Amino acid sequence: MIYLFIIEQLKVSYRVITAGIPLYGEGKGERFFAPFSYFKAVNVWEVFVRNTFSIIALLFLTLILSYCTSVPRFTSRDERYRRESKTQKEDFDRYKNSEVLETEVGTASYYADQFNNKITYSGEVYDMFGLSAAHPTYQMGTIIRVTNLSNDKTVIIRVNDRMPYRPDRIIDLSLGCAQVLDMVQVGITMVKVEVLEWGTGKK
């Protein structure tokens, strides 16, 4: 409907230039839309410019409305990450009842696309869909249990990378861990990190 209106306005503009039809006035002259209609048309070129401006404004408004209606207001980040890990899953069940050697509480984040398939500090290839973590000080291979304090979901994983480098974060988790802990949407969350076994890998 808007496009038909725009086409009609273009036709009117053409008639204004070729026939000198006034914007407003007596007689059979055609009256057409202009956002600044309180100004009087001085000549046909002014009429043409004003009408062209109206058409551009309508096209811009149409584009905005089309974008707003075609794109959802909220898109789950999980939609991009519905894949399975290619890394063989480790069996951490034997650590469920292990003695806690050290406990940390603080903010956790996760890392994904930017580091996927790159070499970690331990020398392993990072699999963002796998279960692993990066810690600023723990020795590589350290087994930890991470608990999301907002929902009590837990995951037992192995440290294989050296991050984060921000003082306000205590651990960076793989995307796979973030999905288990249900923190993909928020990005960061408060967690409890419990050391279950100290690693013997790279310091």
N, C-alpha and C. Protein backbone atom coordinates (compact mmCIF):
# COMPACT_ATOMS: atom_id res chain seq x y z
N MET A 1 0.84 -1.20 0.00
CA MET A 1 0.00 0.00 0.00
C MET A 1 0.87 1.24 0.00
N ILE A 2 1.91 1.24 0.84
CA ILE A 2 2.81 2.40 0.91
C ILE A 2 3.53 2.60 -0.41
N TYR A 3 3.91 1.48 -1.05
CA TYR A 3 4.63 1.58 -2.32
C TYR A 3 3.73 2.20 -3.41
N LEU A 4 2.46 1.85 -3.42
CA LEU A 4 1.53 2.46 -4.39
C LEU A 4 1.41 3.96 -4.15
N PHE A 5 1.40 4.34 -2.88
CA PHE A 5 1.31 5.76 -2.54
C PHE A 5 2.56 6.50 -3.02
N ILE A 6 3.72 5.88 -2.85
CA ILE A 6 4.97 6.50 -3.28
C ILE A 6 4.99 6.68 -4.80
N ILE A 7 4.54 5.64 -5.51
CA ILE A 7 4.48 5.73 -6.97
C ILE A 7 3.58 6.87 -7.41
N GLU A 8 2.45 7.01 -6.72
CA GLU A 8 1.51 8.07 -7.06
C GLU A 8 2.13 9.44 -6.82
N GLN A 9 2.90 9.56 -5.73
CA GLN A 9 3.57 10.82 -5.44
C GLN A 9 4.60 11.17 -6.51
N LEU A 10 5.31 10.15 -7.01
CA LEU A 10 6.27 10.38 -8.08
C LEU A 10 5.58 10.89 -9.34
N LYS A 11 4.42 10.34 -9.61
CA LYS A 11 3.64 10.80 -10.77
C LYS A 11 3.24 12.26 -10.60
N VAL A 12 2.82 12.60 -9.39
CA VAL A 12 2.41 13.97 -9.12
C VAL A 12 3.59 14.91 -9.28
N SER A 13 4.75 14.50 -8.77
CA SER A 13 5.95 15.33 -8.90
C SER A 13 6.28 15.59 -10.36
N TYR A 14 6.13 14.55 -11.15
CA TYR A 14 6.40 14.70 -12.58
C TYR A 14 5.44 15.71 -13.20
N ARG A 15 4.15 15.64 -12.83
CA ARG A 15 3.17 16.57 -13.39
C ARG A 15 3.42 17.99 -12.91
N VAL A 16 3.94 18.11 -11.67
CA VAL A 16 4.25 19.45 -11.14
C VAL A 16 5.33 20.12 -11.98
N ILE A 17 6.36 19.33 -12.33
CA ILE A 17 7.48 19.90 -13.08
C ILE A 17 7.09 20.19 -14.52
N THR A 18 6.37 19.26 -15.13
CA THR A 18 6.05 19.41 -16.56
C THR A 18 4.87 20.33 -16.81
N ALA A 19 3.94 20.41 -15.86
CA ALA A 19 2.74 21.22 -16.10
C ALA A 19 2.61 22.39 -15.15
N GLY A 20 3.48 22.48 -14.12
CA GLY A 20 3.41 23.60 -13.20
C GLY A 20 2.20 23.56 -12.30
N ILE A 21 1.74 22.38 -11.90
CA ILE A 21 0.58 22.26 -11.02
C ILE A 21 0.99 22.68 -9.60
N PRO A 22 0.27 23.60 -8.97
CA PRO A 22 0.65 24.08 -7.63
C PRO A 22 0.39 23.01 -6.57
N LEU A 23 1.10 23.19 -5.43
CA LEU A 23 0.93 22.25 -4.32
C LEU A 23 -0.41 22.45 -3.65
N TYR A 24 -0.73 23.68 -3.31
CA TYR A 24 -2.01 23.99 -2.69
C TYR A 24 -2.59 25.20 -3.43
N GLY A 25 -3.86 25.23 -3.58
CA GLY A 25 -4.47 26.39 -4.23
C GLY A 25 -5.79 26.04 -4.87
N GLU A 26 -6.30 27.00 -5.56
CA GLU A 26 -7.60 26.80 -6.17
C GLU A 26 -7.44 26.10 -7.52
N GLY A 27 -8.56 25.70 -8.05
CA GLY A 27 -8.55 25.06 -9.34
C GLY A 27 -8.48 23.56 -9.20
N LYS A 28 -8.02 22.92 -10.24
CA LYS A 28 -7.98 21.47 -10.28
C LYS A 28 -6.61 20.91 -9.93
N GLY A 29 -5.76 21.74 -9.39
CA GLY A 29 -4.43 21.26 -9.01
C GLY A 29 -4.52 20.17 -7.97
N GLU A 30 -3.62 19.21 -8.02
CA GLU A 30 -3.65 18.09 -7.11
C GLU A 30 -2.93 18.44 -5.82
N ARG A 31 -3.48 18.02 -4.70
CA ARG A 31 -2.89 18.23 -3.39
C ARG A 31 -2.24 16.91 -2.97
N PHE A 32 -0.96 16.94 -2.59
CA PHE A 32 -0.32 15.70 -2.20
C PHE A 32 0.45 15.90 -0.90
N PHE A 33 0.83 14.77 -0.31
CA PHE A 33 1.43 14.74 1.03
C PHE A 33 2.78 15.45 1.06
N ALA A 34 3.02 16.26 2.07
CA ALA A 34 4.32 16.86 2.34
C ALA A 34 4.41 17.10 3.83
N PRO A 35 5.50 16.69 4.51
CA PRO A 35 5.58 16.81 5.96
C PRO A 35 5.63 18.25 6.44
N PHE A 36 6.07 19.17 5.59
CA PHE A 36 6.13 20.57 5.99
C PHE A 36 5.10 21.37 5.19
N SER A 37 3.87 20.94 5.26
CA SER A 37 2.82 21.50 4.42
C SER A 37 2.45 22.93 4.79
N TYR A 38 2.92 23.40 5.94
CA TYR A 38 2.56 24.76 6.33
C TYR A 38 3.38 25.79 5.55
N PHE A 39 4.44 25.33 4.85
CA PHE A 39 5.18 26.23 3.97
C PHE A 39 4.45 26.33 2.64
N LYS A 40 4.45 27.48 2.05
CA LYS A 40 3.81 27.64 0.75
C LYS A 40 4.82 27.35 -0.36
N ALA A 41 4.35 26.71 -1.39
CA ALA A 41 5.23 26.41 -2.51
C ALA A 41 5.54 27.70 -3.26
N VAL A 42 6.81 27.96 -3.48
CA VAL A 42 7.21 29.18 -4.19
C VAL A 42 7.27 28.91 -5.68
N ASN A 43 7.78 27.75 -6.03
CA ASN A 43 7.85 27.39 -7.44
C ASN A 43 7.80 25.87 -7.56
N VAL A 44 7.78 25.41 -8.76
CA VAL A 44 7.63 23.98 -8.98
C VAL A 44 8.81 23.19 -8.45
N TRP A 45 9.99 23.79 -8.48
CA TRP A 45 11.16 23.06 -7.99
C TRP A 45 11.10 22.87 -6.48
N GLU A 46 10.60 23.87 -5.78
CA GLU A 46 10.43 23.73 -4.34
C GLU A 46 9.42 22.63 -4.04
N VAL A 47 8.34 22.61 -4.84
CA VAL A 47 7.34 21.56 -4.67
C VAL A 47 7.95 20.19 -4.90
N PHE A 48 8.77 20.09 -5.93
CA PHE A 48 9.39 18.82 -6.25
C PHE A 48 10.31 18.35 -5.13
N VAL A 49 11.11 19.26 -4.61
CA VAL A 49 12.04 18.92 -3.53
C VAL A 49 11.29 18.46 -2.30
N ARG A 50 10.23 19.19 -1.94
CA ARG A 50 9.44 18.84 -0.76
C ARG A 50 8.77 17.48 -0.93
N ASN A 51 8.26 17.23 -2.11
CA ASN A 51 7.60 15.95 -2.35
C ASN A 51 8.61 14.80 -2.35
N THR A 52 9.79 15.05 -2.91
CA THR A 52 10.84 14.03 -2.91
C THR A 52 11.29 13.70 -1.49
N PHE A 53 11.40 14.74 -0.67
CA PHE A 53 11.76 14.53 0.74
C PHE A 53 10.73 13.63 1.43
N SER A 54 9.46 13.88 1.13
CA SER A 54 8.39 13.08 1.71
C SER A 54 8.52 11.61 1.30
N ILE A 55 8.85 11.38 0.04
CA ILE A 55 8.99 10.02 -0.46
C ILE A 55 10.16 9.31 0.23
N ILE A 56 11.29 10.02 0.37
CA ILE A 56 12.45 9.44 1.04
C ILE A 56 12.13 9.10 2.48
N ALA A 57 11.40 10.00 3.15
CA ALA A 57 11.03 9.76 4.54
C ALA A 57 10.13 8.53 4.66
N LEU A 58 9.21 8.37 3.70
CA LEU A 58 8.32 7.21 3.71
C LEU A 58 9.11 5.91 3.47
N LEU A 59 10.07 5.96 2.56
CA LEU A 59 10.88 4.77 2.29
C LEU A 59 11.68 4.38 3.52
N PHE A 60 12.26 5.38 4.19
CA PHE A 60 13.04 5.12 5.40
C PHE A 60 12.17 4.50 6.48
N LEU A 61 10.96 5.06 6.65
CA LEU A 61 10.03 4.52 7.63
C LEU A 61 9.62 3.10 7.30
N THR A 62 9.43 2.83 6.01
CA THR A 62 9.07 1.47 5.58
C THR A 62 10.16 0.47 5.91
N LEU A 63 11.43 0.88 5.68
CA LEU A 63 12.55 -0.01 5.99
C LEU A 63 12.62 -0.32 7.47
N ILE A 64 12.41 0.70 8.30
CA ILE A 64 12.44 0.51 9.76
C ILE A 64 11.34 -0.44 10.20
N LEU A 65 10.14 -0.23 9.68
CA LEU A 65 9.01 -1.08 10.05
C LEU A 65 9.24 -2.52 9.58
N SER A 66 9.82 -2.68 8.39
CA SER A 66 10.08 -4.03 7.88
C SER A 66 11.09 -4.74 8.75
N TYR A 67 12.12 -4.01 9.20
CA TYR A 67 13.15 -4.63 10.05
C TYR A 67 12.56 -5.04 11.39
N CYS A 68 11.75 -4.16 11.97
CA CYS A 68 11.17 -4.43 13.29
C CYS A 68 10.22 -5.62 13.26
N THR A 69 9.53 -5.81 12.15
CA THR A 69 8.55 -6.89 12.09
C THR A 69 9.17 -8.22 11.70
N SER A 70 10.33 -8.18 11.01
CA SER A 70 10.92 -9.43 10.53
C SER A 70 11.94 -10.03 11.48
N VAL A 71 12.50 -9.19 12.39
CA VAL A 71 13.51 -9.67 13.32
C VAL A 71 12.91 -9.78 14.71
N PRO A 72 13.03 -10.93 15.36
CA PRO A 72 12.48 -11.07 16.71
C PRO A 72 13.17 -10.15 17.68
N ARG A 73 12.47 -9.71 18.71
CA ARG A 73 13.03 -8.79 19.68
C ARG A 73 14.12 -9.46 20.49
N PHE A 74 14.03 -10.75 20.68
CA PHE A 74 15.04 -11.47 21.46
C PHE A 74 15.38 -12.76 20.76
N THR A 75 16.66 -12.97 20.52
CA THR A 75 17.12 -14.20 19.87
C THR A 75 18.04 -14.94 20.82
N SER A 76 17.72 -16.17 21.09
CA SER A 76 18.54 -16.96 21.99
C SER A 76 19.91 -17.22 21.38
N ARG A 77 20.96 -16.97 22.17
CA ARG A 77 22.31 -17.23 21.70
C ARG A 77 22.53 -18.74 21.54
N ASP A 78 21.70 -19.54 22.18
CA ASP A 78 21.84 -20.99 22.08
C ASP A 78 21.61 -21.48 20.65
N GLU A 79 20.84 -20.73 19.86
CA GLU A 79 20.49 -21.18 18.52
C GLU A 79 21.74 -21.37 17.66
N ARG A 80 22.79 -20.59 17.91
CA ARG A 80 24.00 -20.68 17.12
C ARG A 80 24.86 -21.86 17.55
N TYR A 81 24.56 -22.43 18.70
CA TYR A 81 25.47 -23.39 19.30
C TYR A 81 24.85 -24.77 19.50
N ARG A 82 23.93 -25.15 18.66
CA ARG A 82 23.31 -26.46 18.81
C ARG A 82 24.12 -27.52 18.06
N ARG A 83 25.32 -27.79 18.58
CA ARG A 83 26.18 -28.81 17.99
C ARG A 83 26.71 -29.70 19.09
N GLU A 84 27.22 -30.85 18.68
CA GLU A 84 27.78 -31.79 19.64
C GLU A 84 29.30 -31.62 19.68
N SER A 85 29.87 -31.88 20.84
CA SER A 85 31.32 -31.82 20.99
C SER A 85 31.98 -32.96 20.22
N LYS A 86 33.11 -32.66 19.57
CA LYS A 86 33.88 -33.68 18.86
C LYS A 86 34.91 -34.33 19.79
N THR A 87 35.06 -33.74 20.98
CA THR A 87 36.02 -34.26 21.94
C THR A 87 35.40 -35.38 22.76
N GLN A 88 36.14 -36.44 22.96
CA GLN A 88 35.63 -37.55 23.75
C GLN A 88 35.39 -37.10 25.20
N LYS A 89 34.20 -37.37 25.70
CA LYS A 89 33.85 -36.93 27.05
C LYS A 89 34.58 -37.76 28.10
N GLU A 90 35.10 -37.05 29.10
CA GLU A 90 35.79 -37.73 30.20
C GLU A 90 34.78 -38.13 31.27
N ASP A 91 35.07 -39.19 31.97
CA ASP A 91 34.19 -39.66 33.04
C ASP A 91 34.68 -39.09 34.37
N PHE A 92 33.92 -38.11 34.89
CA PHE A 92 34.30 -37.47 36.14
C PHE A 92 33.44 -37.95 37.32
N ASP A 93 32.67 -39.00 37.12
CA ASP A 93 31.78 -39.48 38.18
C ASP A 93 32.54 -39.87 39.44
N ARG A 94 33.77 -40.36 39.29
CA ARG A 94 34.54 -40.81 40.44
C ARG A 94 34.95 -39.67 41.36
N TYR A 95 34.77 -38.42 40.87
CA TYR A 95 35.14 -37.26 41.68
C TYR A 95 33.96 -36.66 42.45
N LYS A 96 32.77 -37.22 42.26
CA LYS A 96 31.58 -36.62 42.88
C LYS A 96 31.67 -36.55 44.40
N ASN A 97 32.29 -37.55 45.01
CA ASN A 97 32.39 -37.60 46.47
C ASN A 97 33.81 -37.29 46.97
N SER A 98 34.60 -36.68 46.11
CA SER A 98 35.98 -36.36 46.49
C SER A 98 36.02 -35.23 47.52
N GLU A 99 37.07 -35.25 48.31
CA GLU A 99 37.27 -34.19 49.29
C GLU A 99 37.59 -32.88 48.58
N VAL A 100 37.01 -31.79 49.07
CA VAL A 100 37.25 -30.48 48.48
C VAL A 100 38.56 -29.93 49.04
N LEU A 101 39.51 -29.64 48.15
CA LEU A 101 40.84 -29.19 48.56
C LEU A 101 40.94 -27.66 48.67
N GLU A 102 40.14 -26.99 47.90
CA GLU A 102 40.14 -25.51 47.91
C GLU A 102 38.84 -25.01 47.32
N THR A 103 38.38 -23.88 47.82
CA THR A 103 37.12 -23.31 47.34
C THR A 103 37.30 -21.83 46.98
N GLU A 104 36.74 -21.45 45.85
CA GLU A 104 36.73 -20.05 45.41
C GLU A 104 35.31 -19.66 45.06
N VAL A 105 34.96 -18.42 45.34
CA VAL A 105 33.65 -17.90 44.92
C VAL A 105 33.88 -16.59 44.18
N GLY A 106 33.25 -16.47 43.02
CA GLY A 106 33.42 -15.26 42.24
C GLY A 106 32.66 -15.34 40.93
N THR A 107 33.02 -14.47 40.01
CA THR A 107 32.31 -14.37 38.74
C THR A 107 32.95 -15.25 37.67
N ALA A 108 32.10 -15.99 36.98
CA ALA A 108 32.56 -16.83 35.86
C ALA A 108 31.99 -16.30 34.56
N SER A 109 32.76 -16.47 33.50
CA SER A 109 32.30 -16.16 32.15
C SER A 109 32.59 -17.37 31.27
N TYR A 110 32.23 -17.29 30.00
CA TYR A 110 32.57 -18.40 29.10
C TYR A 110 33.10 -17.84 27.79
N TYR A 111 33.86 -18.65 27.08
CA TYR A 111 34.42 -18.22 25.81
C TYR A 111 34.10 -19.26 24.74
N ALA A 112 33.92 -18.77 23.52
CA ALA A 112 33.44 -19.68 22.47
C ALA A 112 34.13 -19.45 21.13
N ASP A 113 33.43 -18.82 20.18
CA ASP A 113 33.84 -18.72 18.78
C ASP A 113 35.27 -18.24 18.57
N GLN A 114 35.65 -17.19 19.27
CA GLN A 114 36.94 -16.57 19.02
C GLN A 114 38.12 -17.50 19.28
N PHE A 115 37.94 -18.45 20.19
CA PHE A 115 39.04 -19.34 20.55
C PHE A 115 38.84 -20.78 20.07
N ASN A 116 37.72 -21.06 19.46
CA ASN A 116 37.43 -22.44 19.07
C ASN A 116 38.47 -22.98 18.09
N ASN A 117 38.90 -24.23 18.35
CA ASN A 117 39.90 -24.93 17.53
C ASN A 117 41.31 -24.34 17.63
N LYS A 118 41.53 -23.45 18.59
CA LYS A 118 42.87 -22.91 18.79
C LYS A 118 43.56 -23.67 19.92
N ILE A 119 44.88 -23.56 19.95
CA ILE A 119 45.67 -24.29 20.94
C ILE A 119 45.56 -23.59 22.31
N THR A 120 45.25 -24.38 23.32
CA THR A 120 45.14 -23.85 24.68
C THR A 120 46.52 -23.82 25.34
N TYR A 121 46.56 -23.28 26.56
CA TYR A 121 47.81 -23.19 27.31
C TYR A 121 48.39 -24.57 27.58
N SER A 122 47.52 -25.56 27.72
CA SER A 122 47.99 -26.92 28.00
C SER A 122 48.52 -27.63 26.76
N GLY A 123 48.27 -27.06 25.59
CA GLY A 123 48.68 -27.69 24.34
C GLY A 123 47.56 -28.41 23.63
N GLU A 124 46.40 -28.55 24.29
CA GLU A 124 45.24 -29.19 23.68
C GLU A 124 44.53 -28.20 22.75
N VAL A 125 43.75 -28.75 21.84
CA VAL A 125 42.93 -27.92 20.95
C VAL A 125 41.62 -27.60 21.68
N TYR A 126 41.28 -26.32 21.73
CA TYR A 126 40.07 -25.92 22.43
C TYR A 126 38.82 -26.31 21.64
N ASP A 127 37.93 -27.02 22.30
CA ASP A 127 36.64 -27.41 21.73
C ASP A 127 35.57 -26.69 22.53
N MET A 128 34.97 -25.68 21.94
CA MET A 128 34.01 -24.87 22.71
C MET A 128 32.77 -25.66 23.11
N PHE A 129 32.51 -26.78 22.42
CA PHE A 129 31.35 -27.59 22.77
C PHE A 129 31.68 -28.64 23.83
N GLY A 130 32.94 -28.76 24.15
CA GLY A 130 33.36 -29.72 25.17
C GLY A 130 33.24 -29.15 26.57
N LEU A 131 33.69 -29.93 27.56
CA LEU A 131 33.63 -29.51 28.96
C LEU A 131 35.05 -29.27 29.46
N SER A 132 35.40 -28.01 29.59
CA SER A 132 36.73 -27.64 30.08
C SER A 132 36.66 -26.23 30.65
N ALA A 133 37.79 -25.81 31.24
CA ALA A 133 37.80 -24.48 31.85
C ALA A 133 39.20 -23.88 31.77
N ALA A 134 39.24 -22.56 31.87
CA ALA A 134 40.50 -21.83 31.93
C ALA A 134 40.56 -21.12 33.27
N HIS A 135 41.71 -21.26 33.95
CA HIS A 135 41.87 -20.63 35.27
C HIS A 135 43.18 -19.84 35.28
N PRO A 136 43.21 -18.70 35.96
CA PRO A 136 44.42 -17.86 35.94
C PRO A 136 45.63 -18.44 36.67
N THR A 137 45.43 -19.36 37.62
CA THR A 137 46.56 -19.86 38.41
C THR A 137 46.63 -21.38 38.55
N TYR A 138 45.52 -22.09 38.46
CA TYR A 138 45.53 -23.54 38.70
C TYR A 138 46.40 -24.26 37.68
N GLN A 139 47.11 -25.27 38.15
CA GLN A 139 47.95 -26.08 37.28
C GLN A 139 47.08 -26.86 36.30
N MET A 140 47.59 -27.05 35.09
CA MET A 140 46.82 -27.74 34.06
C MET A 140 46.50 -29.17 34.51
N GLY A 141 45.27 -29.57 34.23
CA GLY A 141 44.82 -30.90 34.62
C GLY A 141 44.09 -30.92 35.95
N THR A 142 44.01 -29.79 36.64
CA THR A 142 43.30 -29.72 37.91
C THR A 142 41.82 -30.00 37.70
N ILE A 143 41.26 -30.88 38.52
CA ILE A 143 39.84 -31.23 38.42
C ILE A 143 39.06 -30.35 39.38
N ILE A 144 38.03 -29.71 38.87
CA ILE A 144 37.23 -28.78 39.68
C ILE A 144 35.74 -29.05 39.50
N ARG A 145 34.99 -28.67 40.50
CA ARG A 145 33.53 -28.69 40.39
C ARG A 145 33.07 -27.24 40.43
N VAL A 146 32.30 -26.85 39.42
CA VAL A 146 31.78 -25.48 39.32
C VAL A 146 30.28 -25.51 39.56
N THR A 147 29.84 -24.67 40.49
CA THR A 147 28.41 -24.59 40.82
C THR A 147 27.90 -23.20 40.49
N ASN A 148 26.85 -23.15 39.68
CA ASN A 148 26.19 -21.88 39.39
C ASN A 148 25.34 -21.51 40.61
N LEU A 149 25.71 -20.45 41.31
CA LEU A 149 25.04 -20.10 42.55
C LEU A 149 23.63 -19.54 42.34
N SER A 150 23.28 -19.23 41.11
CA SER A 150 21.93 -18.71 40.85
C SER A 150 20.90 -19.81 40.64
N ASN A 151 21.39 -21.05 40.33
CA ASN A 151 20.43 -22.14 40.11
C ASN A 151 20.91 -23.49 40.67
N ASP A 152 22.09 -23.49 41.31
CA ASP A 152 22.66 -24.70 41.94
C ASP A 152 23.03 -25.81 40.95
N LYS A 153 23.10 -25.51 39.67
CA LYS A 153 23.53 -26.52 38.71
C LYS A 153 25.05 -26.64 38.77
N THR A 154 25.55 -27.86 38.62
CA THR A 154 26.97 -28.11 38.77
C THR A 154 27.54 -28.88 37.58
N VAL A 155 28.86 -28.78 37.43
CA VAL A 155 29.56 -29.55 36.41
C VAL A 155 30.99 -29.80 36.92
N ILE A 156 31.48 -31.00 36.71
CA ILE A 156 32.86 -31.34 37.08
C ILE A 156 33.69 -31.35 35.80
N ILE A 157 34.78 -30.60 35.80
CA ILE A 157 35.57 -30.41 34.58
C ILE A 157 37.06 -30.36 34.92
N ARG A 158 37.85 -30.30 33.87
CA ARG A 158 39.30 -30.24 34.00
C ARG A 158 39.81 -28.91 33.47
N VAL A 159 40.75 -28.31 34.16
CA VAL A 159 41.36 -27.06 33.71
C VAL A 159 42.41 -27.37 32.65
N ASN A 160 42.27 -26.72 31.48
CA ASN A 160 43.25 -26.97 30.41
C ASN A 160 43.71 -25.69 29.72
N ASP A 161 43.37 -24.54 30.31
CA ASP A 161 43.75 -23.28 29.67
C ASP A 161 44.05 -22.23 30.73
N ARG A 162 44.75 -21.17 30.33
CA ARG A 162 45.16 -20.13 31.26
C ARG A 162 44.44 -18.81 30.94
N MET A 163 43.34 -18.59 31.60
CA MET A 163 42.52 -17.38 31.51
C MET A 163 41.62 -17.42 32.74
N PRO A 164 40.85 -16.39 33.00
CA PRO A 164 40.81 -15.06 32.36
C PRO A 164 41.89 -14.14 32.93
N TYR A 165 42.09 -13.04 32.24
CA TYR A 165 43.10 -12.08 32.67
C TYR A 165 42.47 -10.85 33.33
N ARG A 166 41.19 -10.91 33.58
CA ARG A 166 40.49 -9.82 34.26
C ARG A 166 40.42 -10.09 35.76
N PRO A 167 40.72 -9.10 36.57
CA PRO A 167 40.72 -9.32 38.02
C PRO A 167 39.34 -9.58 38.61
N ASP A 168 38.28 -9.22 37.86
CA ASP A 168 36.92 -9.41 38.37
C ASP A 168 36.33 -10.76 37.97
N ARG A 169 37.10 -11.63 37.29
CA ARG A 169 36.64 -12.96 36.91
C ARG A 169 37.57 -14.01 37.52
N ILE A 170 37.01 -15.09 38.02
CA ILE A 170 37.86 -16.13 38.61
C ILE A 170 38.04 -17.33 37.69
N ILE A 171 37.19 -17.45 36.67
CA ILE A 171 37.29 -18.61 35.78
C ILE A 171 36.57 -18.33 34.47
N ASP A 172 37.10 -18.92 33.40
CA ASP A 172 36.44 -18.89 32.08
C ASP A 172 36.05 -20.32 31.73
N LEU A 173 34.80 -20.52 31.39
CA LEU A 173 34.29 -21.85 31.09
C LEU A 173 34.10 -22.02 29.59
N SER A 174 34.15 -23.26 29.14
CA SER A 174 33.82 -23.54 27.74
C SER A 174 32.33 -23.34 27.54
N LEU A 175 31.94 -23.20 26.28
CA LEU A 175 30.51 -23.05 25.97
C LEU A 175 29.72 -24.25 26.47
N GLY A 176 30.31 -25.45 26.32
CA GLY A 176 29.63 -26.66 26.78
C GLY A 176 29.31 -26.60 28.27
N CYS A 177 30.25 -26.09 29.07
CA CYS A 177 30.00 -25.93 30.51
C CYS A 177 28.92 -24.89 30.76
N ALA A 178 28.98 -23.79 30.01
CA ALA A 178 27.98 -22.73 30.17
C ALA A 178 26.58 -23.25 29.89
N GLN A 179 26.46 -24.15 28.93
CA GLN A 179 25.15 -24.73 28.62
C GLN A 179 24.67 -25.64 29.76
N VAL A 180 25.59 -26.41 30.32
CA VAL A 180 25.22 -27.29 31.43
C VAL A 180 24.78 -26.45 32.64
N LEU A 181 25.48 -25.36 32.87
CA LEU A 181 25.18 -24.49 34.03
C LEU A 181 24.05 -23.51 33.74
N ASP A 182 23.53 -23.54 32.53
CA ASP A 182 22.42 -22.66 32.13
C ASP A 182 22.77 -21.19 32.34
N MET A 183 23.92 -20.78 31.77
CA MET A 183 24.36 -19.39 31.91
C MET A 183 24.69 -18.74 30.56
N VAL A 184 24.30 -19.41 29.48
CA VAL A 184 24.60 -18.87 28.16
C VAL A 184 23.92 -17.53 27.93
N GLN A 185 22.69 -17.42 28.38
CA GLN A 185 21.94 -16.19 28.14
C GLN A 185 22.52 -15.00 28.90
N VAL A 186 22.90 -15.21 30.15
CA VAL A 186 23.39 -14.09 30.97
C VAL A 186 24.85 -13.78 30.69
N GLY A 187 25.61 -14.77 30.22
CA GLY A 187 27.00 -14.52 29.87
C GLY A 187 27.96 -14.65 31.04
N ILE A 188 27.66 -14.02 32.15
CA ILE A 188 28.47 -14.14 33.35
C ILE A 188 27.55 -14.45 34.53
N THR A 189 28.11 -15.12 35.54
CA THR A 189 27.30 -15.46 36.72
C THR A 189 28.23 -15.76 37.89
N MET A 190 27.68 -15.68 39.09
CA MET A 190 28.44 -16.01 40.28
C MET A 190 28.51 -17.52 40.43
N VAL A 191 29.72 -18.03 40.70
CA VAL A 191 29.91 -19.47 40.82
C VAL A 191 30.77 -19.79 42.04
N LYS A 192 30.69 -21.06 42.42
CA LYS A 192 31.60 -21.60 43.44
C LYS A 192 32.48 -22.62 42.74
N VAL A 193 33.79 -22.45 42.88
CA VAL A 193 34.75 -23.37 42.26
C VAL A 193 35.42 -24.19 43.37
N GLU A 194 35.29 -25.51 43.28
CA GLU A 194 35.87 -26.39 44.28
C GLU A 194 36.92 -27.29 43.62
N VAL A 195 38.12 -27.27 44.15
CA VAL A 195 39.19 -28.12 43.63
C VAL A 195 39.03 -29.52 44.21
N LEU A 196 38.94 -30.51 43.33
CA LEU A 196 38.78 -31.91 43.75
C LEU A 196 40.07 -32.71 43.60
N GLU A 197 40.92 -32.26 42.69
CA GLU A 197 42.22 -32.92 42.51
C GLU A 197 43.17 -31.94 41.83
N TRP A 198 44.35 -31.78 42.40
CA TRP A 198 45.32 -30.88 41.80
C TRP A 198 45.94 -31.53 40.57
N GLY A 199 46.11 -30.71 39.55
CA GLY A 199 46.68 -31.21 38.30
C GLY A 199 48.19 -31.37 38.40
N THR A 200 48.73 -32.10 37.46
CA THR A 200 50.18 -32.33 37.41
C THR A 200 50.76 -31.84 36.08
N GLY A 201 49.96 -31.10 35.34
CA GLY A 201 50.40 -30.60 34.03
C GLY A 201 51.16 -29.29 34.12
N LYS A 202 51.14 -28.58 33.06
CA LYS A 202 51.88 -27.33 32.93
C LYS A 202 51.42 -26.32 33.98
N LYS A 203 52.39 -25.62 34.59
CA LYS A 203 52.08 -24.60 35.60
C LYS A 203 51.84 -23.25 34.95
